[in-house]
Every structure is written in C-alpha cells, then in structure tokens.
C-alpha cells in the first residue's frame, strides 16, 4: 500500500494503517533527530513530540496527496528549528534598568530621562532582539562574539541588530528625542 492510501485509511479511523506508516518512517525520523542532538533522552522526547505533531497535522488534513516522505522531512525539519529557536535566548518579562549607563555630571540635561525612555522603547522590541542589542551596546560584544554565544549566523546578528536599532530610532524620534546620540549604526 502507498503512503497516501495509508493516510486515507487512517483518516477513516483505521489505526492499523497509521501504525504501518509510522513504522516505515520511524528509523528515518529518529536518525534525523539524532543528527540534531546526541542526547538520547532528547532524541526520545523529540521523537514523541514530532509523532504527535505529525498525527495532528494529518488529522487537520495539512498533508496533500503527493510525496509523503518529502512532506514528513519538511515537517520534522521545521519542528526541530522551532524547538531549538525557542531555547536560544532566555525570556525577560519586565523592563530591567541595571544595564543602563549611569548619567554623570558631564552628561547633557535630560540625558538620564532619555536613557529611561530608551529602556522603555527597547522593551517594546521582541525579546531576542533586545538581548542582541544589549550584548552589542552594553556588553560591548562584537558581532562574531554574539553569533558564537547565541548560535545565530553572524550576518543574521548584524541584520537583526541594525533592524532593531532603526526601530528604536524611529520610536525615540516619535517621543521627541534625538536618537543619534545613542546608536552608531
């Protein structure tokens, strides 16, 4: 029986059909997952999550007749990317001010207020972008160091920081601040 026929039978409530289909692809899916991680417990957990996700997608009729194996590998690949993307950077819930530079007597009037406004505007950006900007400007890390720490491609780091800074500039200008004194990009 073909993969498409087995899926059709499963959608008609034939549990044996899906068991046959899953047994055909189980080894390949496990190898694909094992390629992304060497931890056997993680492989088992991800395998179970992906199989549940696969069954849900089939039940939702997300699969269209065609090449099941290609669709399956696409589904597994996307699931793994999503899984590791979620683990990449910690989520910070509230605005934190301890990373702000301290305004001293040599700073222009209103500088401290502008810094707090900047912190509030920064908190409006997506958390991963916030973290990248903090690493670049407050921790003084190079793009390459940020890429190594986060596991993101260096050119992607540069692009995300530049896009985040443009958005911050726009938001600061809307609040009436001259944002050119904050960013060198």
N, C-alpha and C. Protein backbone atom coordinates (compact mmCIF):
# COMPACT_ATOMS: atom_id res chain seq x y z
N UNK A 1 0.83 -1.19 0.00
CA UNK A 1 0.00 0.00 0.00
C UNK A 1 0.87 1.25 0.00
N UNK A 2 0.43 2.27 -0.69
CA UNK A 2 1.20 3.52 -0.75
C UNK A 2 0.95 4.35 0.52
N UNK A 3 1.83 5.31 0.74
CA UNK A 3 1.68 6.20 1.89
C UNK A 3 0.36 6.95 1.83
N UNK A 4 -0.01 7.44 0.65
CA UNK A 4 -1.26 8.17 0.50
C UNK A 4 -2.47 7.30 0.85
N UNK A 5 -2.43 6.05 0.45
CA UNK A 5 -3.54 5.14 0.76
C UNK A 5 -3.62 4.89 2.27
N UNK A 6 -2.48 4.73 2.91
CA UNK A 6 -2.46 4.53 4.37
C UNK A 6 -3.00 5.74 5.11
N UNK A 7 -2.65 6.92 4.64
CA UNK A 7 -3.17 8.15 5.27
C UNK A 7 -4.68 8.23 5.08
N UNK A 8 -5.16 7.89 3.88
CA UNK A 8 -6.60 7.87 3.64
C UNK A 8 -7.32 6.92 4.57
N UNK A 9 -6.75 5.73 4.78
CA UNK A 9 -7.35 4.75 5.70
C UNK A 9 -7.34 5.27 7.14
N UNK A 10 -6.24 5.93 7.53
CA UNK A 10 -6.16 6.49 8.88
C UNK A 10 -7.23 7.55 9.10
N UNK A 11 -7.46 8.37 8.09
CA UNK A 11 -8.49 9.41 8.21
C UNK A 11 -9.89 8.80 8.29
N UNK A 12 -10.02 7.53 7.88
CA UNK A 12 -11.29 6.80 8.01
C UNK A 12 -11.29 5.97 9.29
N UNK A 13 -10.43 6.32 10.25
CA UNK A 13 -10.33 5.69 11.57
C UNK A 13 -9.73 4.29 11.57
N UNK A 14 -8.83 4.01 10.66
CA UNK A 14 -8.13 2.73 10.64
C UNK A 14 -6.78 2.95 11.32
N UNK A 15 -6.69 2.56 12.59
CA UNK A 15 -5.47 2.77 13.38
C UNK A 15 -4.31 1.92 12.89
N UNK A 16 -4.59 0.76 12.32
CA UNK A 16 -3.53 -0.11 11.81
C UNK A 16 -2.77 0.55 10.66
N UNK A 17 -3.49 1.33 9.86
CA UNK A 17 -2.86 1.99 8.72
C UNK A 17 -1.79 2.98 9.17
N UNK A 18 -2.10 3.75 10.21
CA UNK A 18 -1.12 4.73 10.67
C UNK A 18 0.06 4.03 11.35
N UNK A 19 -0.20 2.89 12.01
CA UNK A 19 0.89 2.13 12.63
C UNK A 19 1.88 1.66 11.56
N UNK A 20 1.37 1.20 10.42
CA UNK A 20 2.23 0.77 9.32
C UNK A 20 3.03 1.95 8.78
N UNK A 21 2.34 3.08 8.58
CA UNK A 21 3.00 4.28 8.05
C UNK A 21 4.10 4.76 9.00
N UNK A 22 3.80 4.81 10.31
CA UNK A 22 4.79 5.27 11.27
C UNK A 22 5.97 4.32 11.37
N UNK A 23 5.71 3.02 11.25
CA UNK A 23 6.82 2.06 11.31
C UNK A 23 7.74 2.22 10.10
N UNK A 24 7.18 2.62 8.97
CA UNK A 24 8.01 2.85 7.77
C UNK A 24 8.97 4.02 7.95
N UNK A 25 8.50 5.06 8.63
CA UNK A 25 9.31 6.29 8.70
C UNK A 25 10.04 6.46 10.03
N UNK A 26 9.81 5.58 11.00
CA UNK A 26 10.35 5.76 12.35
C UNK A 26 11.88 5.86 12.37
N UNK A 27 12.55 4.96 11.69
CA UNK A 27 14.02 4.95 11.71
C UNK A 27 14.58 6.22 11.09
N UNK A 28 14.00 6.63 9.98
CA UNK A 28 14.48 7.85 9.31
C UNK A 28 14.28 9.08 10.18
N UNK A 29 13.13 9.17 10.82
CA UNK A 29 12.86 10.33 11.68
C UNK A 29 13.81 10.34 12.86
N UNK A 30 14.02 9.17 13.48
CA UNK A 30 14.96 9.11 14.61
C UNK A 30 16.37 9.52 14.19
N UNK A 31 16.81 9.08 13.02
CA UNK A 31 18.14 9.47 12.53
C UNK A 31 18.22 10.97 12.32
N UNK A 32 17.16 11.55 11.76
CA UNK A 32 17.10 12.99 11.51
C UNK A 32 17.22 13.76 12.83
N UNK A 33 16.48 13.28 13.85
CA UNK A 33 16.53 13.94 15.16
C UNK A 33 17.91 13.75 15.79
N UNK A 34 18.44 12.55 15.72
CA UNK A 34 19.74 12.25 16.31
C UNK A 34 20.83 13.10 15.67
N UNK A 35 20.65 13.45 14.42
CA UNK A 35 21.60 14.32 13.74
C UNK A 35 21.64 15.70 14.40
N UNK A 36 20.50 16.14 14.96
CA UNK A 36 20.44 17.47 15.57
C UNK A 36 20.89 17.47 17.03
N UNK A 37 20.84 16.30 17.69
CA UNK A 37 21.27 16.22 19.08
C UNK A 37 21.83 14.83 19.36
N UNK A 38 22.79 14.78 20.24
CA UNK A 38 23.41 13.49 20.57
C UNK A 38 22.84 12.90 21.87
N UNK A 39 22.06 13.67 22.58
CA UNK A 39 21.49 13.23 23.85
C UNK A 39 20.32 12.28 23.59
N UNK A 40 20.45 11.04 24.03
CA UNK A 40 19.45 10.01 23.72
C UNK A 40 18.08 10.33 24.33
N UNK A 41 18.06 10.92 25.52
CA UNK A 41 16.78 11.30 26.13
C UNK A 41 16.08 12.37 25.30
N UNK A 42 16.83 13.34 24.83
CA UNK A 42 16.26 14.39 23.99
C UNK A 42 15.74 13.80 22.69
N UNK A 43 16.46 12.84 22.12
CA UNK A 43 16.02 12.19 20.89
C UNK A 43 14.66 11.54 21.11
N UNK A 44 14.53 10.80 22.21
CA UNK A 44 13.27 10.11 22.51
C UNK A 44 12.14 11.12 22.72
N UNK A 45 12.41 12.17 23.49
CA UNK A 45 11.38 13.18 23.74
C UNK A 45 10.94 13.86 22.45
N UNK A 46 11.91 14.29 21.65
CA UNK A 46 11.59 14.96 20.39
C UNK A 46 10.84 14.02 19.44
N UNK A 47 11.24 12.76 19.42
CA UNK A 47 10.56 11.78 18.56
C UNK A 47 9.08 11.70 18.92
N UNK A 48 8.79 11.59 20.22
CA UNK A 48 7.39 11.51 20.65
C UNK A 48 6.63 12.78 20.29
N UNK A 49 7.24 13.94 20.55
CA UNK A 49 6.58 15.22 20.23
C UNK A 49 6.32 15.34 18.74
N UNK A 50 7.28 14.94 17.93
CA UNK A 50 7.13 15.05 16.48
C UNK A 50 6.07 14.09 15.97
N UNK A 51 6.00 12.89 16.52
CA UNK A 51 4.98 11.94 16.09
C UNK A 51 3.58 12.45 16.43
N UNK A 52 3.42 13.03 17.61
CA UNK A 52 2.12 13.62 17.98
C UNK A 52 1.80 14.77 17.03
N UNK A 53 2.79 15.60 16.75
CA UNK A 53 2.61 16.73 15.82
C UNK A 53 2.23 16.23 14.43
N UNK A 54 2.89 15.17 13.99
CA UNK A 54 2.60 14.56 12.69
C UNK A 54 1.16 14.08 12.61
N UNK A 55 0.72 13.36 13.64
CA UNK A 55 -0.66 12.86 13.65
C UNK A 55 -1.67 14.00 13.65
N UNK A 56 -1.39 15.04 14.42
CA UNK A 56 -2.29 16.20 14.43
C UNK A 56 -2.37 16.85 13.05
N UNK A 57 -1.23 17.00 12.40
CA UNK A 57 -1.21 17.61 11.06
C UNK A 57 -1.98 16.75 10.06
N UNK A 58 -1.84 15.44 10.17
CA UNK A 58 -2.59 14.57 9.26
C UNK A 58 -4.08 14.69 9.54
N UNK A 59 -4.46 14.70 10.81
CA UNK A 59 -5.88 14.83 11.17
C UNK A 59 -6.44 16.18 10.73
N UNK A 60 -5.62 17.20 10.74
CA UNK A 60 -6.05 18.53 10.29
C UNK A 60 -6.04 18.65 8.78
N UNK A 61 -5.67 17.55 8.13
CA UNK A 61 -5.62 17.46 6.67
C UNK A 61 -4.61 18.45 6.07
N UNK A 62 -3.50 18.64 6.80
CA UNK A 62 -2.43 19.53 6.31
C UNK A 62 -1.65 18.87 5.18
N UNK A 63 -1.67 17.54 5.16
CA UNK A 63 -0.95 16.81 4.10
C UNK A 63 -1.84 16.72 2.86
N UNK A 64 -1.28 17.10 1.74
CA UNK A 64 -1.98 16.96 0.45
C UNK A 64 -1.33 15.82 -0.30
N UNK A 65 -2.09 15.09 -1.04
CA UNK A 65 -1.56 13.95 -1.79
C UNK A 65 -0.30 14.35 -2.55
N UNK A 66 0.65 13.47 -2.54
CA UNK A 66 1.91 13.76 -3.22
C UNK A 66 3.01 12.92 -2.62
N UNK A 67 4.10 13.54 -2.29
CA UNK A 67 5.26 12.83 -1.76
C UNK A 67 5.27 12.96 -0.23
N UNK A 68 4.80 11.92 0.45
CA UNK A 68 4.71 11.93 1.90
C UNK A 68 6.07 12.09 2.56
N UNK A 69 7.07 11.41 2.05
CA UNK A 69 8.40 11.45 2.67
C UNK A 69 8.96 12.87 2.66
N UNK A 70 8.82 13.57 1.56
CA UNK A 70 9.31 14.96 1.48
C UNK A 70 8.54 15.84 2.47
N UNK A 71 7.22 15.66 2.54
CA UNK A 71 6.41 16.43 3.47
C UNK A 71 6.82 16.13 4.91
N UNK A 72 7.06 14.85 5.21
CA UNK A 72 7.47 14.44 6.55
C UNK A 72 8.80 15.08 6.93
N UNK A 73 9.78 15.04 6.05
CA UNK A 73 11.09 15.63 6.36
C UNK A 73 10.97 17.14 6.54
N UNK A 74 10.12 17.77 5.78
CA UNK A 74 9.88 19.20 5.94
C UNK A 74 9.26 19.47 7.31
N UNK A 75 8.29 18.65 7.70
CA UNK A 75 7.63 18.81 8.99
C UNK A 75 8.63 18.61 10.14
N UNK A 76 9.45 17.57 10.06
CA UNK A 76 10.45 17.29 11.09
C UNK A 76 11.47 18.42 11.17
N UNK A 77 11.95 18.85 10.03
CA UNK A 77 12.94 19.93 9.99
C UNK A 77 12.39 21.21 10.60
N UNK A 78 11.18 21.58 10.22
CA UNK A 78 10.55 22.79 10.77
C UNK A 78 10.32 22.66 12.27
N UNK A 79 9.92 21.48 12.72
CA UNK A 79 9.68 21.28 14.14
C UNK A 79 10.99 21.43 14.92
N UNK A 80 12.05 20.84 14.41
CA UNK A 80 13.35 20.93 15.10
C UNK A 80 13.86 22.37 15.14
N UNK A 81 13.72 23.09 14.03
CA UNK A 81 14.13 24.50 14.01
C UNK A 81 13.36 25.29 15.04
N UNK A 82 12.06 25.08 15.09
CA UNK A 82 11.21 25.78 16.05
C UNK A 82 11.61 25.42 17.49
N UNK A 83 11.86 24.16 17.73
CA UNK A 83 12.25 23.68 19.06
C UNK A 83 13.53 24.36 19.54
N UNK A 84 14.56 24.39 18.69
CA UNK A 84 15.83 24.97 19.10
C UNK A 84 15.79 26.50 19.12
N UNK A 85 14.96 27.10 18.30
CA UNK A 85 14.81 28.55 18.31
C UNK A 85 14.23 29.01 19.65
N UNK A 86 13.28 28.25 20.18
CA UNK A 86 12.67 28.61 21.46
C UNK A 86 13.67 28.54 22.60
N UNK A 87 14.66 27.69 22.49
CA UNK A 87 15.65 27.52 23.55
C UNK A 87 16.81 28.49 23.46
N UNK A 88 16.88 29.27 22.39
CA UNK A 88 18.07 30.06 22.11
C UNK A 88 18.35 31.15 23.15
N UNK A 89 17.40 32.04 23.42
CA UNK A 89 17.64 33.14 24.34
C UNK A 89 16.63 33.11 25.48
N UNK A 90 17.04 33.44 26.69
CA UNK A 90 16.10 33.48 27.81
C UNK A 90 15.10 34.62 27.64
N UNK A 91 13.90 34.43 28.14
CA UNK A 91 12.86 35.45 28.06
C UNK A 91 12.92 36.29 29.32
N UNK A 92 12.93 37.59 29.15
CA UNK A 92 12.95 38.51 30.28
C UNK A 92 11.60 39.20 30.30
N UNK A 93 10.88 39.08 31.40
CA UNK A 93 9.50 39.55 31.45
C UNK A 93 9.38 41.06 31.63
N UNK A 94 10.11 41.64 32.55
CA UNK A 94 9.94 43.06 32.85
C UNK A 94 11.10 43.88 32.31
N UNK A 95 10.89 45.19 32.28
CA UNK A 95 11.95 46.10 31.88
C UNK A 95 13.01 46.10 32.99
N UNK A 96 14.24 45.93 32.61
CA UNK A 96 15.33 45.95 33.58
C UNK A 96 16.20 47.16 33.28
N UNK A 97 16.56 47.90 34.33
CA UNK A 97 17.31 49.12 34.13
C UNK A 97 18.77 49.01 34.55
N UNK A 98 19.20 47.88 35.12
CA UNK A 98 20.55 47.83 35.64
C UNK A 98 21.60 47.88 34.55
N UNK A 99 21.24 47.61 33.31
CA UNK A 99 22.20 47.63 32.22
C UNK A 99 22.41 49.04 31.66
N UNK A 100 21.58 50.01 32.09
CA UNK A 100 21.72 51.37 31.58
C UNK A 100 22.99 52.03 32.11
N UNK A 101 23.67 52.82 31.28
CA UNK A 101 24.81 53.57 31.79
C UNK A 101 24.33 54.64 32.77
N UNK A 102 25.13 54.95 33.74
CA UNK A 102 24.76 55.93 34.74
C UNK A 102 25.07 57.32 34.21
N UNK A 103 24.09 58.22 34.34
CA UNK A 103 24.31 59.61 33.90
C UNK A 103 25.16 60.32 34.95
N UNK A 104 26.20 60.99 34.52
CA UNK A 104 27.02 61.74 35.47
C UNK A 104 26.92 63.23 35.17
N UNK A 105 27.71 64.03 35.86
CA UNK A 105 27.61 65.48 35.74
C UNK A 105 27.99 65.99 34.36
N UNK A 106 28.78 65.24 33.60
CA UNK A 106 29.22 65.68 32.29
C UNK A 106 28.17 65.45 31.20
N UNK A 107 27.09 64.79 31.54
CA UNK A 107 26.06 64.48 30.55
C UNK A 107 25.15 65.68 30.32
N UNK A 108 24.61 65.82 29.11
CA UNK A 108 23.69 66.91 28.85
C UNK A 108 22.40 66.77 29.66
N UNK A 109 21.71 67.90 29.84
CA UNK A 109 20.46 67.89 30.59
C UNK A 109 19.44 67.01 29.89
N UNK A 110 18.73 66.21 30.65
CA UNK A 110 17.70 65.33 30.10
C UNK A 110 18.23 63.98 29.62
N UNK A 111 19.55 63.78 29.77
CA UNK A 111 20.15 62.54 29.27
C UNK A 111 19.62 61.32 30.02
N UNK A 112 19.53 61.44 31.36
CA UNK A 112 19.06 60.31 32.16
C UNK A 112 17.61 59.97 31.81
N UNK A 113 16.79 60.98 31.63
CA UNK A 113 15.39 60.76 31.23
C UNK A 113 15.33 60.06 29.87
N UNK A 114 16.20 60.48 28.96
CA UNK A 114 16.24 59.86 27.63
C UNK A 114 16.67 58.40 27.73
N UNK A 115 17.59 58.09 28.65
CA UNK A 115 18.01 56.70 28.83
C UNK A 115 16.86 55.83 29.31
N UNK A 116 16.06 56.35 30.25
CA UNK A 116 14.93 55.57 30.73
C UNK A 116 13.87 55.40 29.64
N UNK A 117 13.69 56.42 28.83
CA UNK A 117 12.78 56.31 27.69
C UNK A 117 13.30 55.26 26.71
N UNK A 118 14.60 55.26 26.49
CA UNK A 118 15.22 54.28 25.61
C UNK A 118 14.99 52.86 26.14
N UNK A 119 15.12 52.69 27.45
CA UNK A 119 14.89 51.37 28.05
C UNK A 119 13.45 50.92 27.84
N UNK A 120 12.52 51.84 27.99
CA UNK A 120 11.11 51.50 27.78
C UNK A 120 10.84 51.14 26.32
N UNK A 121 11.44 51.89 25.41
CA UNK A 121 11.25 51.60 23.98
C UNK A 121 11.90 50.28 23.61
N UNK A 122 13.07 50.00 24.20
CA UNK A 122 13.75 48.74 23.95
C UNK A 122 12.88 47.57 24.38
N UNK A 123 12.15 47.74 25.47
CA UNK A 123 11.29 46.65 25.96
C UNK A 123 10.12 46.38 25.02
N UNK A 124 9.87 47.27 24.08
CA UNK A 124 8.79 47.07 23.09
C UNK A 124 9.25 46.17 21.95
N UNK A 125 10.55 46.00 21.80
CA UNK A 125 11.08 45.14 20.74
C UNK A 125 10.95 43.68 21.16
N UNK A 126 10.99 42.75 20.20
CA UNK A 126 10.99 41.33 20.56
C UNK A 126 12.17 41.00 21.46
N UNK A 127 11.97 40.11 22.43
CA UNK A 127 12.99 39.78 23.42
C UNK A 127 14.31 39.35 22.78
N UNK A 128 14.31 38.49 21.75
CA UNK A 128 15.61 38.13 21.17
C UNK A 128 16.38 39.34 20.61
N UNK A 129 15.67 40.29 20.04
CA UNK A 129 16.32 41.50 19.50
C UNK A 129 16.84 42.36 20.65
N UNK A 130 16.07 42.47 21.73
CA UNK A 130 16.52 43.21 22.91
C UNK A 130 17.85 42.65 23.40
N UNK A 131 17.91 41.32 23.52
CA UNK A 131 19.12 40.69 24.02
C UNK A 131 20.31 40.95 23.10
N UNK A 132 20.09 40.89 21.80
CA UNK A 132 21.18 41.15 20.85
C UNK A 132 21.70 42.58 20.98
N UNK A 133 20.78 43.53 21.10
CA UNK A 133 21.17 44.94 21.23
C UNK A 133 21.93 45.17 22.54
N UNK A 134 21.46 44.56 23.62
CA UNK A 134 22.16 44.72 24.91
C UNK A 134 23.57 44.13 24.83
N UNK A 135 23.70 42.96 24.19
CA UNK A 135 25.03 42.35 24.07
C UNK A 135 25.96 43.26 23.27
N UNK A 136 25.43 43.86 22.20
CA UNK A 136 26.27 44.68 21.32
C UNK A 136 26.68 45.99 21.97
N UNK A 137 25.72 46.70 22.58
CA UNK A 137 26.00 48.06 23.03
C UNK A 137 26.34 48.18 24.51
N UNK A 138 25.79 47.31 25.34
CA UNK A 138 26.07 47.44 26.76
C UNK A 138 27.14 46.48 27.22
N UNK A 139 27.21 45.29 26.61
CA UNK A 139 28.27 44.37 26.96
C UNK A 139 29.47 44.54 26.03
N UNK A 140 29.34 45.40 25.02
CA UNK A 140 30.42 45.71 24.07
C UNK A 140 30.96 44.46 23.37
N UNK A 141 30.07 43.55 23.01
CA UNK A 141 30.49 42.33 22.32
C UNK A 141 30.54 42.59 20.82
N UNK A 142 31.44 41.91 20.14
CA UNK A 142 31.50 42.01 18.68
C UNK A 142 30.37 41.17 18.10
N UNK A 143 30.08 41.40 16.82
CA UNK A 143 29.04 40.61 16.15
C UNK A 143 29.41 39.13 16.18
N UNK A 144 30.65 38.84 15.98
CA UNK A 144 31.11 37.44 15.98
C UNK A 144 30.93 36.79 17.36
N UNK A 145 31.24 37.54 18.42
CA UNK A 145 31.05 37.01 19.78
C UNK A 145 29.58 36.74 20.06
N UNK A 146 28.72 37.66 19.60
CA UNK A 146 27.28 37.47 19.79
C UNK A 146 26.81 36.23 19.02
N UNK A 147 27.29 36.07 17.80
CA UNK A 147 26.92 34.92 17.00
C UNK A 147 27.33 33.62 17.68
N UNK A 148 28.53 33.60 18.26
CA UNK A 148 29.00 32.40 18.96
C UNK A 148 28.16 32.12 20.20
N UNK A 149 27.83 33.16 20.96
CA UNK A 149 27.06 32.96 22.18
C UNK A 149 25.64 32.49 21.89
N UNK A 150 25.02 33.04 20.85
CA UNK A 150 23.61 32.74 20.58
C UNK A 150 23.40 31.61 19.61
N UNK A 151 24.43 31.28 18.83
CA UNK A 151 24.26 30.24 17.82
C UNK A 151 23.58 30.73 16.56
N UNK A 152 23.49 32.04 16.39
CA UNK A 152 22.88 32.65 15.21
C UNK A 152 23.98 33.01 14.23
N UNK A 153 23.72 32.88 12.95
CA UNK A 153 24.67 33.26 11.91
C UNK A 153 25.07 34.72 12.10
N UNK A 154 26.34 35.04 11.89
CA UNK A 154 26.87 36.39 12.12
C UNK A 154 26.13 37.45 11.29
N UNK A 155 25.88 37.16 10.02
CA UNK A 155 25.19 38.15 9.19
C UNK A 155 23.75 38.36 9.66
N UNK A 156 23.14 37.32 10.21
CA UNK A 156 21.79 37.45 10.76
C UNK A 156 21.81 38.32 12.01
N UNK A 157 22.85 38.16 12.83
CA UNK A 157 23.00 39.00 14.03
C UNK A 157 23.10 40.46 13.63
N UNK A 158 23.95 40.77 12.64
CA UNK A 158 24.13 42.15 12.18
C UNK A 158 22.80 42.71 11.69
N UNK A 159 22.10 41.94 10.88
CA UNK A 159 20.83 42.42 10.31
C UNK A 159 19.79 42.67 11.41
N UNK A 160 19.69 41.75 12.37
CA UNK A 160 18.69 41.91 13.44
C UNK A 160 19.00 43.12 14.31
N UNK A 161 20.28 43.34 14.61
CA UNK A 161 20.66 44.49 15.43
C UNK A 161 20.39 45.79 14.67
N UNK A 162 20.75 45.83 13.40
CA UNK A 162 20.50 47.04 12.61
C UNK A 162 19.01 47.33 12.50
N UNK A 163 18.21 46.30 12.27
CA UNK A 163 16.76 46.48 12.17
C UNK A 163 16.20 46.96 13.51
N UNK A 164 16.67 46.37 14.62
CA UNK A 164 16.22 46.77 15.94
C UNK A 164 16.59 48.21 16.25
N UNK A 165 17.80 48.61 15.87
CA UNK A 165 18.25 49.98 16.11
C UNK A 165 17.45 50.99 15.29
N UNK A 166 17.14 50.63 14.05
CA UNK A 166 16.30 51.52 13.23
C UNK A 166 14.94 51.71 13.88
N UNK A 167 14.38 50.62 14.38
CA UNK A 167 13.07 50.70 15.03
C UNK A 167 13.16 51.53 16.31
N UNK A 168 14.23 51.36 17.08
CA UNK A 168 14.42 52.17 18.30
C UNK A 168 14.56 53.65 17.95
N UNK A 169 15.34 53.95 16.90
CA UNK A 169 15.49 55.35 16.46
C UNK A 169 14.12 55.95 16.15
N UNK A 170 13.33 55.20 15.39
CA UNK A 170 12.01 55.69 15.00
C UNK A 170 11.15 55.94 16.23
N UNK A 171 11.16 55.01 17.19
CA UNK A 171 10.34 55.17 18.40
C UNK A 171 10.83 56.34 19.25
N UNK A 172 12.16 56.52 19.35
CA UNK A 172 12.70 57.63 20.14
C UNK A 172 12.36 58.97 19.49
N UNK A 173 12.43 59.03 18.17
CA UNK A 173 12.08 60.27 17.48
C UNK A 173 10.61 60.60 17.64
N UNK A 174 9.76 59.57 17.68
CA UNK A 174 8.33 59.80 17.94
C UNK A 174 8.10 60.38 19.32
N UNK A 175 8.98 60.04 20.27
CA UNK A 175 8.88 60.57 21.64
C UNK A 175 9.54 61.94 21.76
N UNK A 176 10.16 62.42 20.68
CA UNK A 176 10.76 63.74 20.68
C UNK A 176 12.23 63.79 21.06
N UNK A 177 12.90 62.66 21.08
CA UNK A 177 14.33 62.62 21.42
C UNK A 177 15.16 62.53 20.16
N UNK A 178 16.36 63.12 20.25
CA UNK A 178 17.33 62.99 19.17
C UNK A 178 18.08 61.69 19.42
N UNK A 179 17.73 60.65 18.69
CA UNK A 179 18.28 59.32 18.96
C UNK A 179 19.68 59.13 18.41
N UNK A 180 20.20 60.10 17.68
CA UNK A 180 21.53 59.92 17.08
C UNK A 180 22.63 59.80 18.11
N UNK A 181 22.41 60.30 19.32
CA UNK A 181 23.46 60.23 20.33
C UNK A 181 23.54 58.83 20.97
N UNK A 182 22.56 57.94 20.69
CA UNK A 182 22.55 56.64 21.33
C UNK A 182 23.18 55.54 20.49
N UNK A 183 23.06 55.63 19.17
CA UNK A 183 23.46 54.50 18.31
C UNK A 183 24.43 54.94 17.24
N UNK A 184 25.46 54.16 17.04
CA UNK A 184 26.41 54.49 15.99
C UNK A 184 26.05 53.82 14.66
N UNK A 185 25.03 52.95 14.64
CA UNK A 185 24.64 52.30 13.39
C UNK A 185 23.73 53.23 12.62
